[in-house]
């Protein structure tokens, strides 16, 4: 699994957070330490969790999509 990590230098420290998991964050004195901490947290989450994919019908999203005519197009 590949996760996107945003790494931000701030006040002499480095903040890291995983884009896909907003609550997964780390802060450290160096870039390498922040990345190591975030890696460790991701591994801890992976040990106690599972990834499940759910299929949602396209019709469920019609109310969120502005459609100017009465025609519906499925992609």
C-alpha atoms as a PDB file:
ATOM      1  CA  UNK A   1       0.000   0.000   0.000  1.00  0.00           C
ATOM      2  CA  UNK A   2       1.283   3.445  -0.861  1.00  0.00           C
ATOM      3  CA  UNK A   3       0.195   6.468   1.180  1.00  0.00           C
ATOM      4  CA  UNK A   4       0.724  10.125   0.406  1.00  0.00           C
ATOM      5  CA  UNK A   5       2.444  12.016   3.213  1.00  0.00           C
ATOM      6  CA  UNK A   6       2.510  15.790   3.435  1.00  0.00           C
ATOM      7  CA  UNK A   7       5.722  16.885   5.114  1.00  0.00           C
ATOM      8  CA  UNK A   8       5.846  20.491   6.317  1.00  0.00           C
ATOM      9  CA  UNK A   9       8.741  22.278   8.012  1.00  0.00           C
ATOM     10  CA  UNK A  10       7.408  24.481  10.806  1.00  0.00           C
ATOM     11  CA  UNK A  11       9.273  26.385  13.530  1.00  0.00           C
ATOM     12  CA  UNK A  12      12.399  24.257  13.190  1.00  0.00           C
ATOM     13  CA  UNK A  13      10.456  20.983  13.304  1.00  0.00           C
ATOM     14  CA  UNK A  14       8.816  18.757  10.709  1.00  0.00           C
ATOM     15  CA  UNK A  15       5.122  17.900  10.645  1.00  0.00           C
ATOM     16  CA  UNK A  16       3.942  14.878   8.688  1.00  0.00           C
ATOM     17  CA  UNK A  17       0.415  13.710   8.021  1.00  0.00           C
ATOM     18  CA  UNK A  18      -1.071  11.053   5.782  1.00  0.00           C
ATOM     19  CA  UNK A  19      -3.466  12.473   3.196  1.00  0.00           C
ATOM     20  CA  UNK A  20      -5.625   9.331   3.169  1.00  0.00           C
ATOM     21  CA  UNK A  21      -5.797   9.192   6.991  1.00  0.00           C
ATOM     22  CA  UNK A  22      -6.218  12.724   8.376  1.00  0.00           C
ATOM     23  CA  UNK A  23      -5.816  11.578  12.001  1.00  0.00           C
ATOM     24  CA  UNK A  24      -2.438   9.948  11.292  1.00  0.00           C
ATOM     25  CA  UNK A  25       0.123  12.641  12.160  1.00  0.00           C
ATOM     26  CA  UNK A  26       3.682  12.908  13.437  1.00  0.00           C
ATOM     27  CA  UNK A  27       6.012  15.696  14.522  1.00  0.00           C
ATOM     28  CA  UNK A  28       9.785  15.501  14.934  1.00  0.00           C
ATOM     29  CA  UNK A  29      13.002  17.520  14.903  1.00  0.00           C
ATOM     30  CA  UNK A  30      14.159  16.215  11.528  1.00  0.00           C
ATOM     31  CA  UNK A  31      12.611  15.216   8.229  1.00  0.00           C
ATOM     32  CA  UNK A  32      13.884  11.649   8.598  1.00  0.00           C
ATOM     33  CA  UNK A  33      12.521  11.297  12.133  1.00  0.00           C
ATOM     34  CA  UNK A  34       9.093  12.585  11.068  1.00  0.00           C
ATOM     35  CA  UNK A  35       8.962  10.106   8.186  1.00  0.00           C
ATOM     36  CA  UNK A  36      10.101   7.245  10.434  1.00  0.00           C
ATOM     37  CA  UNK A  37       7.395   8.106  12.984  1.00  0.00           C
ATOM     38  CA  UNK A  38       4.664   8.317  10.362  1.00  0.00           C
ATOM     39  CA  UNK A  39       5.811   4.974   8.906  1.00  0.00           C
ATOM     40  CA  UNK A  40       5.627   3.425  12.384  1.00  0.00           C
ATOM     41  CA  UNK A  41       2.126   4.803  12.961  1.00  0.00           C
ATOM     42  CA  UNK A  42       0.952   3.482   9.590  1.00  0.00           C
ATOM     43  CA  UNK A  43       2.309   0.036  10.423  1.00  0.00           C
ATOM     44  CA  UNK A  44       0.522   0.097  13.807  1.00  0.00           C
ATOM     45  CA  UNK A  45      -2.759   1.021  12.101  1.00  0.00           C
ATOM     46  CA  UNK A  46      -2.263  -1.726   9.494  1.00  0.00           C
ATOM     47  CA  UNK A  47      -1.724  -4.374  12.207  1.00  0.00           C
ATOM     48  CA  UNK A  48      -5.080  -3.707  13.851  1.00  0.00           C
ATOM     49  CA  UNK A  49      -7.157  -2.795  10.798  1.00  0.00           C
ATOM     50  CA  UNK A  50      -8.373  -4.125   7.498  1.00  0.00           C
ATOM     51  CA  UNK A  51      -9.146  -2.412   4.216  1.00  0.00           C
ATOM     52  CA  UNK A  52     -12.583  -3.130   2.809  1.00  0.00           C
ATOM     53  CA  UNK A  53     -13.836  -1.908  -0.553  1.00  0.00           C
ATOM     54  CA  UNK A  54     -17.529  -1.176  -0.938  1.00  0.00           C
ATOM     55  CA  UNK A  55     -19.376  -0.782  -4.211  1.00  0.00           C
ATOM     56  CA  UNK A  56     -21.904   2.048  -4.216  1.00  0.00           C
ATOM     57  CA  UNK A  57     -24.386   2.339  -7.097  1.00  0.00           C
ATOM     58  CA  UNK A  58     -23.933   5.371  -9.349  1.00  0.00           C
ATOM     59  CA  UNK A  59     -27.521   6.406  -8.632  1.00  0.00           C
ATOM     60  CA  UNK A  60     -26.534   7.225  -5.066  1.00  0.00           C
ATOM     61  CA  UNK A  61     -24.441  10.112  -6.367  1.00  0.00           C
ATOM     62  CA  UNK A  62     -27.031  11.675  -8.681  1.00  0.00           C
ATOM     63  CA  UNK A  63     -28.229  14.010  -5.943  1.00  0.00           C
ATOM     64  CA  UNK A  64     -24.685  15.390  -5.633  1.00  0.00           C
ATOM     65  CA  UNK A  65     -24.185  15.946  -9.367  1.00  0.00           C
ATOM     66  CA  UNK A  66     -25.779  19.016 -10.939  1.00  0.00           C
ATOM     67  CA  UNK A  67     -27.601  17.857 -14.057  1.00  0.00           C
ATOM     68  CA  UNK A  68     -29.130  20.541 -16.250  1.00  0.00           C
ATOM     69  CA  UNK A  69     -31.417  18.245 -18.231  1.00  0.00           C
ATOM     70  CA  UNK A  70     -33.539  15.219 -17.511  1.00  0.00           C
ATOM     71  CA  UNK A  71     -31.053  12.888 -19.206  1.00  0.00           C
ATOM     72  CA  UNK A  72     -28.799  10.771 -17.047  1.00  0.00           C
ATOM     73  CA  UNK A  73     -25.505   9.554 -18.356  1.00  0.00           C
ATOM     74  CA  UNK A  74     -23.664   6.640 -16.824  1.00  0.00           C
ATOM     75  CA  UNK A  75     -19.938   6.530 -17.266  1.00  0.00           C
END
